[in-house]
């Protein structure tokens, strides 16, 4: 087991907050081809609001910042010589962005109408959420959910076991 590393203290200049306003501890940053088109798509599908756009050589987006609900998402185009690869070039995305919504049904319909491909249909799930998974036109995976109920550990375990048994009886492995 690796030893934990020591936390590094960052000293901000006087009057400068080391974490910019509106940011949380972790913020997703997507690299893709067609960042400008992606910004428009995220606005149509998820109601994203563009907060910042900085252009680089050839009009490519060097950096953009969007707000979806109360969270930030950053993105940029992939530049020649960059070590980044788009999810489409990779053939999949190793990451899923999870989005909670007050009305997941409306958000789901909006994203599908904008061209999202359904990976896992939106449905009530045993863990107490209405949940589904989509892939956007740029190859990034999104899970959309609304919590419907809070389960005790015992109830969650009971439902998970029943779900696994039902899937086994149908010959489909649990996912």
N, C-alpha and C. Protein backbone atom coordinates (compact mmCIF):
# COMPACT_ATOMS: atom_id res chain seq x y z
N UNK A 1 0.84 -1.17 0.00
CA UNK A 1 0.00 0.00 0.00
C UNK A 1 0.89 1.24 0.00
N UNK A 2 0.59 2.19 -0.86
CA UNK A 2 1.39 3.40 -0.97
C UNK A 2 1.14 4.30 0.23
N UNK A 3 2.21 5.00 0.62
CA UNK A 3 2.08 5.96 1.71
C UNK A 3 1.31 7.17 1.22
N UNK A 4 0.47 7.72 2.10
CA UNK A 4 -0.24 8.93 1.69
C UNK A 4 0.75 10.08 1.51
N UNK A 5 0.50 10.89 0.52
CA UNK A 5 1.37 12.04 0.31
C UNK A 5 0.95 13.18 1.21
N UNK A 6 1.90 14.03 1.52
CA UNK A 6 1.59 15.19 2.35
C UNK A 6 0.84 16.20 1.52
N UNK A 7 -0.11 16.83 2.17
CA UNK A 7 -0.87 17.89 1.48
C UNK A 7 0.05 19.08 1.27
N UNK A 8 -0.06 19.68 0.12
CA UNK A 8 0.74 20.85 -0.20
C UNK A 8 -0.11 22.08 0.06
N UNK A 9 0.42 22.97 0.87
CA UNK A 9 -0.31 24.21 1.14
C UNK A 9 -0.05 25.18 0.01
N UNK A 10 -1.12 25.75 -0.47
CA UNK A 10 -1.01 26.76 -1.52
C UNK A 10 -1.29 28.10 -0.87
N UNK A 11 -0.35 28.98 -0.98
CA UNK A 11 -0.55 30.31 -0.41
C UNK A 11 -1.01 31.25 -1.51
N UNK A 12 -2.15 31.81 -1.28
CA UNK A 12 -2.68 32.77 -2.25
C UNK A 12 -2.10 34.14 -1.95
N UNK A 13 -2.01 34.93 -3.00
CA UNK A 13 -1.63 36.32 -2.80
C UNK A 13 -2.71 36.98 -1.97
N UNK A 14 -2.33 37.92 -1.23
CA UNK A 14 -3.28 38.62 -0.37
C UNK A 14 -4.49 39.09 -1.18
N UNK A 15 -5.68 38.70 -0.73
CA UNK A 15 -6.91 39.11 -1.40
C UNK A 15 -7.30 38.23 -2.57
N UNK A 16 -6.55 37.17 -2.86
CA UNK A 16 -6.87 36.27 -3.97
C UNK A 16 -7.29 34.94 -3.39
N UNK A 17 -8.52 34.53 -3.70
CA UNK A 17 -9.03 33.24 -3.26
C UNK A 17 -8.39 32.15 -4.10
N UNK A 18 -7.75 31.14 -3.49
CA UNK A 18 -7.10 30.10 -4.29
C UNK A 18 -8.07 29.24 -5.10
N UNK A 19 -9.34 29.20 -4.69
CA UNK A 19 -10.36 28.49 -5.46
C UNK A 19 -11.33 29.54 -6.00
N UNK A 20 -11.39 29.70 -7.33
CA UNK A 20 -12.26 30.73 -7.90
C UNK A 20 -13.72 30.53 -7.52
N UNK A 21 -14.44 31.62 -7.45
CA UNK A 21 -15.85 31.60 -7.11
C UNK A 21 -16.62 30.70 -8.08
N UNK A 22 -17.52 29.89 -7.54
CA UNK A 22 -18.35 29.01 -8.35
C UNK A 22 -17.76 27.63 -8.57
N UNK A 23 -16.47 27.45 -8.30
CA UNK A 23 -15.84 26.15 -8.50
C UNK A 23 -15.99 25.29 -7.26
N UNK A 24 -16.04 23.98 -7.49
CA UNK A 24 -16.01 23.01 -6.40
C UNK A 24 -14.62 22.39 -6.42
N UNK A 25 -14.36 21.42 -5.59
CA UNK A 25 -13.04 20.82 -5.50
C UNK A 25 -12.64 20.11 -6.80
N UNK A 26 -13.57 19.42 -7.43
CA UNK A 26 -13.29 18.71 -8.68
C UNK A 26 -14.18 19.28 -9.78
N UNK A 27 -13.57 19.60 -10.91
CA UNK A 27 -14.32 20.12 -12.05
C UNK A 27 -13.91 19.33 -13.29
N UNK A 28 -14.86 18.70 -13.99
CA UNK A 28 -14.51 17.97 -15.22
C UNK A 28 -14.00 18.92 -16.30
N UNK A 29 -13.01 18.45 -17.07
CA UNK A 29 -12.45 19.21 -18.18
C UNK A 29 -12.40 18.26 -19.38
N UNK A 30 -13.23 18.54 -20.40
CA UNK A 30 -13.32 17.67 -21.57
C UNK A 30 -12.46 18.19 -22.69
N UNK A 31 -11.73 17.31 -23.33
CA UNK A 31 -10.98 17.62 -24.55
C UNK A 31 -11.71 16.92 -25.68
N UNK A 32 -12.03 17.68 -26.74
CA UNK A 32 -12.78 17.09 -27.84
C UNK A 32 -12.53 17.84 -29.13
N UNK A 33 -12.93 17.22 -30.21
CA UNK A 33 -12.90 17.89 -31.51
C UNK A 33 -14.28 18.52 -31.69
N UNK A 34 -14.30 19.81 -32.05
CA UNK A 34 -15.58 20.49 -32.24
C UNK A 34 -16.10 21.12 -30.96
N UNK A 35 -15.23 21.77 -30.20
CA UNK A 35 -15.64 22.35 -28.92
C UNK A 35 -16.75 23.38 -29.08
N UNK A 36 -16.70 24.17 -30.13
CA UNK A 36 -17.75 25.17 -30.34
C UNK A 36 -19.10 24.50 -30.54
N UNK A 37 -19.13 23.43 -31.34
CA UNK A 37 -20.37 22.69 -31.54
C UNK A 37 -20.83 22.03 -30.24
N UNK A 38 -19.88 21.54 -29.46
CA UNK A 38 -20.21 20.90 -28.18
C UNK A 38 -20.86 21.90 -27.23
N UNK A 39 -20.35 23.12 -27.20
CA UNK A 39 -20.94 24.14 -26.33
C UNK A 39 -22.40 24.36 -26.71
N UNK A 40 -22.68 24.46 -27.99
CA UNK A 40 -24.06 24.62 -28.45
C UNK A 40 -24.91 23.42 -28.10
N UNK A 41 -24.35 22.23 -28.26
CA UNK A 41 -25.11 21.02 -27.95
C UNK A 41 -25.42 20.93 -26.46
N UNK A 42 -24.42 21.20 -25.60
CA UNK A 42 -24.65 21.14 -24.16
C UNK A 42 -25.68 22.18 -23.72
N UNK A 43 -25.75 23.30 -24.41
CA UNK A 43 -26.78 24.31 -24.12
C UNK A 43 -28.16 23.76 -24.48
N UNK A 44 -28.28 23.15 -25.65
CA UNK A 44 -29.57 22.59 -26.08
C UNK A 44 -29.99 21.40 -25.22
N UNK A 45 -29.05 20.50 -24.94
CA UNK A 45 -29.37 19.25 -24.26
C UNK A 45 -29.52 19.40 -22.74
N UNK A 46 -28.63 20.16 -22.13
CA UNK A 46 -28.58 20.22 -20.67
C UNK A 46 -28.81 21.62 -20.10
N UNK A 47 -29.08 22.59 -20.96
CA UNK A 47 -29.29 23.95 -20.48
C UNK A 47 -28.01 24.64 -20.04
N UNK A 48 -26.87 24.20 -20.57
CA UNK A 48 -25.58 24.81 -20.20
C UNK A 48 -25.56 26.28 -20.58
N UNK A 49 -24.92 27.06 -19.73
CA UNK A 49 -24.72 28.49 -19.98
C UNK A 49 -23.22 28.70 -20.15
N UNK A 50 -22.84 29.32 -21.27
CA UNK A 50 -21.43 29.60 -21.52
C UNK A 50 -20.98 30.79 -20.69
N UNK A 51 -19.92 30.59 -19.90
CA UNK A 51 -19.40 31.65 -19.05
C UNK A 51 -18.12 32.26 -19.59
N UNK A 52 -17.37 31.47 -20.35
CA UNK A 52 -16.07 31.95 -20.84
C UNK A 52 -15.68 31.17 -22.08
N UNK A 53 -15.04 31.86 -23.01
CA UNK A 53 -14.51 31.21 -24.22
C UNK A 53 -13.23 31.95 -24.61
N UNK A 54 -12.14 31.22 -24.70
CA UNK A 54 -10.86 31.79 -25.14
C UNK A 54 -10.41 31.04 -26.37
N UNK A 55 -10.15 31.78 -27.42
CA UNK A 55 -9.76 31.17 -28.69
C UNK A 55 -8.26 31.05 -28.80
N UNK A 56 -7.85 29.99 -29.48
CA UNK A 56 -6.46 29.75 -29.75
C UNK A 56 -6.21 29.85 -31.24
N UNK A 57 -5.09 29.32 -31.70
CA UNK A 57 -4.74 29.38 -33.12
C UNK A 57 -5.82 28.74 -34.00
N UNK A 58 -6.08 29.38 -35.13
CA UNK A 58 -7.03 28.83 -36.10
C UNK A 58 -8.48 28.89 -35.64
N UNK A 59 -8.76 29.66 -34.59
CA UNK A 59 -10.13 29.77 -34.11
C UNK A 59 -10.58 28.61 -33.23
N UNK A 60 -9.67 27.67 -32.94
CA UNK A 60 -10.02 26.58 -32.05
C UNK A 60 -10.20 27.11 -30.63
N UNK A 61 -10.99 26.42 -29.84
CA UNK A 61 -11.22 26.85 -28.47
C UNK A 61 -10.10 26.32 -27.59
N UNK A 62 -9.37 27.28 -27.03
CA UNK A 62 -8.27 26.97 -26.13
C UNK A 62 -8.81 26.60 -24.75
N UNK A 63 -9.89 27.29 -24.37
CA UNK A 63 -10.51 27.04 -23.06
C UNK A 63 -11.92 27.62 -23.07
N UNK A 64 -12.85 26.86 -22.52
CA UNK A 64 -14.22 27.35 -22.33
C UNK A 64 -14.72 26.86 -20.98
N UNK A 65 -15.60 27.64 -20.40
CA UNK A 65 -16.19 27.28 -19.11
C UNK A 65 -17.70 27.41 -19.24
N UNK A 66 -18.40 26.33 -18.86
CA UNK A 66 -19.86 26.28 -18.93
C UNK A 66 -20.40 26.04 -17.53
N UNK A 67 -21.66 26.42 -17.34
CA UNK A 67 -22.35 26.12 -16.09
C UNK A 67 -23.59 25.31 -16.43
N UNK A 68 -23.70 24.15 -15.80
CA UNK A 68 -24.89 23.29 -15.92
C UNK A 68 -25.44 23.16 -14.52
N UNK A 69 -26.63 23.71 -14.30
CA UNK A 69 -27.17 23.74 -12.94
C UNK A 69 -26.27 24.57 -12.07
N UNK A 70 -25.79 23.96 -10.97
CA UNK A 70 -24.89 24.69 -10.08
C UNK A 70 -23.43 24.25 -10.24
N UNK A 71 -23.13 23.51 -11.32
CA UNK A 71 -21.79 22.95 -11.50
C UNK A 71 -21.12 23.50 -12.75
N UNK A 72 -19.80 23.50 -12.71
CA UNK A 72 -19.01 23.97 -13.84
C UNK A 72 -18.46 22.80 -14.64
N UNK A 73 -18.31 23.03 -15.93
CA UNK A 73 -17.70 22.09 -16.86
C UNK A 73 -16.77 22.91 -17.74
N UNK A 74 -15.55 22.45 -17.87
CA UNK A 74 -14.60 23.14 -18.75
C UNK A 74 -14.31 22.23 -19.93
N UNK A 75 -13.95 22.84 -21.05
CA UNK A 75 -13.62 22.06 -22.23
C UNK A 75 -12.73 22.84 -23.18
N UNK A 76 -12.13 22.12 -24.10
CA UNK A 76 -11.31 22.73 -25.15
C UNK A 76 -11.26 21.80 -26.35
N UNK A 77 -10.88 22.40 -27.47
CA UNK A 77 -10.59 21.58 -28.64
C UNK A 77 -9.30 20.83 -28.41
N UNK A 78 -9.08 19.78 -29.17
CA UNK A 78 -7.82 19.06 -29.14
C UNK A 78 -6.92 19.69 -30.20
N UNK A 79 -5.77 20.12 -29.77
CA UNK A 79 -4.83 20.79 -30.67
C UNK A 79 -3.81 19.81 -31.22
N UNK A 80 -3.30 20.07 -32.44
CA UNK A 80 -2.25 19.21 -32.99
C UNK A 80 -1.08 19.11 -32.02
N UNK A 81 -0.58 17.90 -31.83
CA UNK A 81 0.54 17.67 -30.92
C UNK A 81 0.12 17.42 -29.48
N UNK A 82 -1.16 17.58 -29.18
CA UNK A 82 -1.66 17.36 -27.83
C UNK A 82 -1.66 15.86 -27.52
N UNK A 83 -1.43 15.49 -26.27
CA UNK A 83 -1.51 14.07 -25.91
C UNK A 83 -2.95 13.58 -25.78
N UNK A 84 -3.92 14.50 -25.80
CA UNK A 84 -5.32 14.13 -25.62
C UNK A 84 -5.90 13.51 -26.89
N UNK A 85 -6.88 12.63 -26.69
CA UNK A 85 -7.62 12.02 -27.78
C UNK A 85 -9.11 12.19 -27.47
N UNK A 86 -9.89 12.36 -28.50
CA UNK A 86 -11.32 12.51 -28.27
C UNK A 86 -11.93 11.15 -27.95
N UNK A 87 -13.06 11.19 -27.25
CA UNK A 87 -13.78 9.95 -26.94
C UNK A 87 -14.17 9.23 -28.23
N UNK A 88 -14.50 10.00 -29.29
CA UNK A 88 -14.87 9.38 -30.57
C UNK A 88 -13.67 8.67 -31.19
N UNK A 89 -12.48 9.28 -31.10
CA UNK A 89 -11.28 8.62 -31.62
C UNK A 89 -10.94 7.36 -30.84
N UNK A 90 -11.21 7.38 -29.54
CA UNK A 90 -10.95 6.21 -28.70
C UNK A 90 -12.00 5.12 -28.88
N UNK A 91 -13.16 5.51 -29.39
CA UNK A 91 -14.25 4.56 -29.57
C UNK A 91 -15.16 4.43 -28.37
N UNK A 92 -14.83 5.12 -27.29
CA UNK A 92 -15.64 5.14 -26.08
C UNK A 92 -15.10 6.20 -25.15
N UNK A 93 -15.78 6.38 -24.04
CA UNK A 93 -15.30 7.28 -23.00
C UNK A 93 -15.05 6.46 -21.74
N UNK A 94 -13.90 6.60 -21.12
CA UNK A 94 -13.65 5.86 -19.89
C UNK A 94 -14.29 6.53 -18.67
N UNK A 95 -14.93 7.68 -18.89
CA UNK A 95 -15.51 8.47 -17.80
C UNK A 95 -16.98 8.72 -18.09
N UNK A 96 -17.80 8.71 -17.05
CA UNK A 96 -19.20 9.09 -17.16
C UNK A 96 -19.41 10.32 -16.29
N UNK A 97 -20.02 11.34 -16.87
CA UNK A 97 -20.38 12.54 -16.11
C UNK A 97 -21.79 12.34 -15.58
N UNK A 98 -21.96 12.48 -14.27
CA UNK A 98 -23.25 12.21 -13.62
C UNK A 98 -23.96 13.53 -13.37
N UNK A 99 -25.21 13.62 -13.79
CA UNK A 99 -25.97 14.85 -13.69
C UNK A 99 -27.28 14.58 -12.95
N UNK A 100 -27.42 15.19 -11.77
CA UNK A 100 -28.69 15.11 -11.04
C UNK A 100 -29.61 16.23 -11.52
N UNK A 101 -30.90 15.94 -11.60
CA UNK A 101 -31.87 16.92 -12.06
C UNK A 101 -33.13 16.83 -11.22
N UNK A 102 -33.78 17.96 -11.05
CA UNK A 102 -35.07 18.00 -10.36
C UNK A 102 -36.09 17.19 -11.16
N UNK A 103 -36.09 17.39 -12.48
CA UNK A 103 -37.02 16.69 -13.37
C UNK A 103 -36.20 15.92 -14.41
N UNK A 104 -35.77 14.73 -14.04
CA UNK A 104 -34.90 13.95 -14.92
C UNK A 104 -35.62 13.54 -16.20
N UNK A 105 -36.94 13.35 -16.13
CA UNK A 105 -37.68 12.97 -17.33
C UNK A 105 -37.58 14.07 -18.39
N UNK A 106 -37.78 15.31 -17.99
CA UNK A 106 -37.72 16.43 -18.94
C UNK A 106 -36.30 16.61 -19.47
N UNK A 107 -35.31 16.49 -18.59
CA UNK A 107 -33.93 16.63 -19.04
C UNK A 107 -33.57 15.50 -20.01
N UNK A 108 -34.00 14.30 -19.72
CA UNK A 108 -33.75 13.14 -20.58
C UNK A 108 -34.33 13.37 -21.97
N UNK A 109 -35.60 13.79 -22.00
CA UNK A 109 -36.27 14.04 -23.29
C UNK A 109 -35.55 15.14 -24.07
N UNK A 110 -35.11 16.17 -23.37
CA UNK A 110 -34.39 17.27 -24.01
C UNK A 110 -33.08 16.79 -24.63
N UNK A 111 -32.32 15.97 -23.89
CA UNK A 111 -31.04 15.47 -24.38
C UNK A 111 -31.23 14.52 -25.56
N UNK A 112 -32.22 13.64 -25.47
CA UNK A 112 -32.49 12.71 -26.58
C UNK A 112 -32.95 13.48 -27.81
N UNK A 113 -33.80 14.48 -27.62
CA UNK A 113 -34.26 15.31 -28.75
C UNK A 113 -33.09 16.07 -29.40
N UNK A 114 -32.07 16.39 -28.60
CA UNK A 114 -30.90 17.09 -29.12
C UNK A 114 -29.93 16.14 -29.84
N UNK A 115 -30.17 14.83 -29.74
CA UNK A 115 -29.34 13.87 -30.46
C UNK A 115 -28.52 12.93 -29.61
N UNK A 116 -28.76 12.90 -28.29
CA UNK A 116 -28.04 11.94 -27.44
C UNK A 116 -28.48 10.53 -27.79
N UNK A 117 -27.56 9.59 -27.70
CA UNK A 117 -27.85 8.18 -27.94
C UNK A 117 -28.04 7.49 -26.59
N UNK A 118 -29.09 6.72 -26.46
CA UNK A 118 -29.40 6.03 -25.21
C UNK A 118 -28.48 4.81 -25.06
N UNK A 119 -27.78 4.76 -23.92
CA UNK A 119 -26.96 3.59 -23.59
C UNK A 119 -27.70 2.67 -22.62
N UNK A 120 -28.40 3.27 -21.68
CA UNK A 120 -29.12 2.55 -20.63
C UNK A 120 -30.41 3.32 -20.40
N UNK A 121 -31.56 2.78 -20.74
CA UNK A 121 -32.82 3.55 -20.70
C UNK A 121 -33.11 4.13 -19.31
N UNK A 122 -33.72 5.29 -19.31
CA UNK A 122 -34.15 5.94 -18.08
C UNK A 122 -35.25 5.10 -17.44
N UNK A 123 -35.06 4.74 -16.17
CA UNK A 123 -36.05 3.92 -15.47
C UNK A 123 -35.84 4.05 -13.97
N UNK A 124 -36.85 3.66 -13.21
CA UNK A 124 -36.71 3.62 -11.75
C UNK A 124 -35.79 2.45 -11.42
N UNK A 125 -34.80 2.72 -10.56
CA UNK A 125 -33.79 1.72 -10.23
C UNK A 125 -33.93 1.27 -8.78
N UNK A 126 -33.42 0.07 -8.50
CA UNK A 126 -33.57 -0.52 -7.17
C UNK A 126 -32.91 0.32 -6.08
N UNK A 127 -31.94 1.15 -6.41
CA UNK A 127 -31.23 1.93 -5.39
C UNK A 127 -31.96 3.24 -5.04
N UNK A 128 -33.15 3.45 -5.61
CA UNK A 128 -33.96 4.59 -5.20
C UNK A 128 -33.87 5.81 -6.09
N UNK A 129 -33.31 5.65 -7.28
CA UNK A 129 -33.21 6.76 -8.22
C UNK A 129 -33.89 6.42 -9.54
N UNK A 130 -34.32 7.43 -10.22
CA UNK A 130 -34.70 7.31 -11.63
C UNK A 130 -33.43 7.65 -12.36
N UNK A 131 -32.93 6.74 -13.20
CA UNK A 131 -31.56 6.81 -13.71
C UNK A 131 -31.48 6.24 -15.12
N UNK A 132 -30.63 6.84 -15.93
CA UNK A 132 -30.34 6.32 -17.26
C UNK A 132 -29.01 6.87 -17.74
N UNK A 133 -28.49 6.28 -18.81
CA UNK A 133 -27.20 6.72 -19.36
C UNK A 133 -27.34 7.05 -20.84
N UNK A 134 -26.62 8.12 -21.24
CA UNK A 134 -26.61 8.61 -22.62
C UNK A 134 -25.18 8.80 -23.08
N UNK A 135 -25.01 8.88 -24.40
CA UNK A 135 -23.72 9.31 -24.95
C UNK A 135 -24.03 10.51 -25.84
N UNK A 136 -23.21 11.56 -25.69
CA UNK A 136 -23.43 12.76 -26.49
C UNK A 136 -22.79 12.60 -27.87
N UNK A 137 -23.05 13.50 -28.80
CA UNK A 137 -22.50 13.36 -30.16
C UNK A 137 -20.97 13.44 -30.22
N UNK A 138 -20.32 13.79 -29.10
CA UNK A 138 -18.87 13.92 -29.06
C UNK A 138 -18.22 12.72 -28.37
N UNK A 139 -19.06 11.72 -28.02
CA UNK A 139 -18.56 10.47 -27.46
C UNK A 139 -18.49 10.43 -25.94
N UNK A 140 -18.90 11.50 -25.27
CA UNK A 140 -18.84 11.51 -23.81
C UNK A 140 -20.11 10.91 -23.21
N UNK A 141 -19.92 10.11 -22.16
CA UNK A 141 -21.02 9.42 -21.50
C UNK A 141 -21.56 10.28 -20.37
N UNK A 142 -22.89 10.28 -20.24
CA UNK A 142 -23.59 11.03 -19.20
C UNK A 142 -24.59 10.10 -18.54
N UNK A 143 -24.66 10.15 -17.22
CA UNK A 143 -25.74 9.49 -16.51
C UNK A 143 -26.61 10.60 -15.92
N UNK A 144 -27.92 10.44 -16.07
CA UNK A 144 -28.89 11.41 -15.59
C UNK A 144 -29.72 10.74 -14.51
N UNK A 145 -30.01 11.47 -13.43
CA UNK A 145 -30.75 10.85 -12.33
C UNK A 145 -31.51 11.88 -11.51
N UNK A 146 -32.54 11.40 -10.86
CA UNK A 146 -33.25 12.11 -9.79
C UNK A 146 -33.44 11.11 -8.67
N UNK A 147 -33.11 11.52 -7.46
CA UNK A 147 -33.33 10.64 -6.32
C UNK A 147 -34.81 10.64 -5.98
N UNK A 148 -35.35 9.44 -5.76
CA UNK A 148 -36.77 9.28 -5.45
C UNK A 148 -37.00 8.90 -4.00
N UNK A 149 -36.03 8.18 -3.43
CA UNK A 149 -36.19 7.74 -2.04
C UNK A 149 -34.82 7.48 -1.43
N UNK A 150 -34.77 7.56 -0.12
CA UNK A 150 -33.54 7.28 0.61
C UNK A 150 -33.72 5.93 1.28
N UNK A 151 -32.81 5.02 0.99
CA UNK A 151 -32.92 3.65 1.50
C UNK A 151 -31.97 3.42 2.67
N UNK A 152 -32.38 2.59 3.59
CA UNK A 152 -31.47 2.13 4.64
C UNK A 152 -30.47 1.18 3.97
N UNK A 153 -29.37 0.92 4.64
CA UNK A 153 -28.40 -0.04 4.09
C UNK A 153 -29.03 -1.41 3.92
N UNK A 154 -29.87 -1.79 4.86
CA UNK A 154 -30.52 -3.10 4.80
C UNK A 154 -31.46 -3.19 3.60
N UNK A 155 -32.26 -2.14 3.38
CA UNK A 155 -33.20 -2.15 2.25
C UNK A 155 -32.43 -2.14 0.93
N UNK A 156 -31.36 -1.37 0.86
CA UNK A 156 -30.54 -1.35 -0.37
C UNK A 156 -29.99 -2.75 -0.65
N UNK A 157 -29.46 -3.39 0.38
CA UNK A 157 -28.90 -4.74 0.20
C UNK A 157 -29.98 -5.73 -0.23
N UNK A 158 -31.17 -5.64 0.38
CA UNK A 158 -32.26 -6.53 0.02
C UNK A 158 -32.66 -6.35 -1.44
N UNK A 159 -32.80 -5.10 -1.86
CA UNK A 159 -33.19 -4.82 -3.25
C UNK A 159 -32.09 -5.22 -4.24
N UNK A 160 -30.85 -4.99 -3.88
CA UNK A 160 -29.74 -5.37 -4.76
C UNK A 160 -29.71 -6.88 -4.97
N UNK A 161 -29.93 -7.62 -3.89
CA UNK A 161 -29.96 -9.08 -4.00
C UNK A 161 -31.12 -9.54 -4.87
N UNK A 162 -32.30 -8.95 -4.67
CA UNK A 162 -33.47 -9.32 -5.48
C UNK A 162 -33.22 -8.98 -6.95
N UNK A 163 -32.60 -7.85 -7.21
CA UNK A 163 -32.30 -7.44 -8.59
C UNK A 163 -31.32 -8.42 -9.23
N UNK A 164 -30.27 -8.80 -8.49
CA UNK A 164 -29.28 -9.74 -9.03
C UNK A 164 -29.92 -11.10 -9.31
N UNK A 165 -30.78 -11.55 -8.42
CA UNK A 165 -31.45 -12.83 -8.63
C UNK A 165 -32.38 -12.78 -9.84
N UNK A 166 -33.08 -11.69 -10.01
CA UNK A 166 -33.98 -11.54 -11.16
C UNK A 166 -33.17 -11.54 -12.45
N UNK A 167 -32.04 -10.86 -12.48
CA UNK A 167 -31.20 -10.82 -13.67
C UNK A 167 -30.60 -12.19 -13.96
N UNK A 168 -30.22 -12.90 -12.91
CA UNK A 168 -29.64 -14.23 -13.08
C UNK A 168 -30.69 -15.19 -13.64
N UNK A 169 -31.92 -15.08 -13.15
CA UNK A 169 -33.01 -15.94 -13.61
C UNK A 169 -33.33 -15.67 -15.08
N UNK A 170 -33.13 -14.43 -15.53
CA UNK A 170 -33.38 -14.06 -16.92
C UNK A 170 -32.17 -14.38 -17.81
N UNK A 171 -31.07 -14.80 -17.19
CA UNK A 171 -29.88 -15.13 -17.96
C UNK A 171 -29.05 -13.91 -18.37
N UNK A 172 -29.35 -12.76 -17.76
CA UNK A 172 -28.55 -11.56 -18.05
C UNK A 172 -27.68 -11.25 -16.85
N UNK A 173 -26.39 -11.04 -17.09
CA UNK A 173 -25.50 -10.76 -15.94
C UNK A 173 -25.78 -9.35 -15.40
N UNK A 174 -25.64 -9.18 -14.09
CA UNK A 174 -25.83 -7.84 -13.53
C UNK A 174 -24.78 -6.89 -14.07
N UNK A 175 -25.16 -5.62 -14.27
CA UNK A 175 -24.22 -4.62 -14.76
C UNK A 175 -23.76 -3.73 -13.65
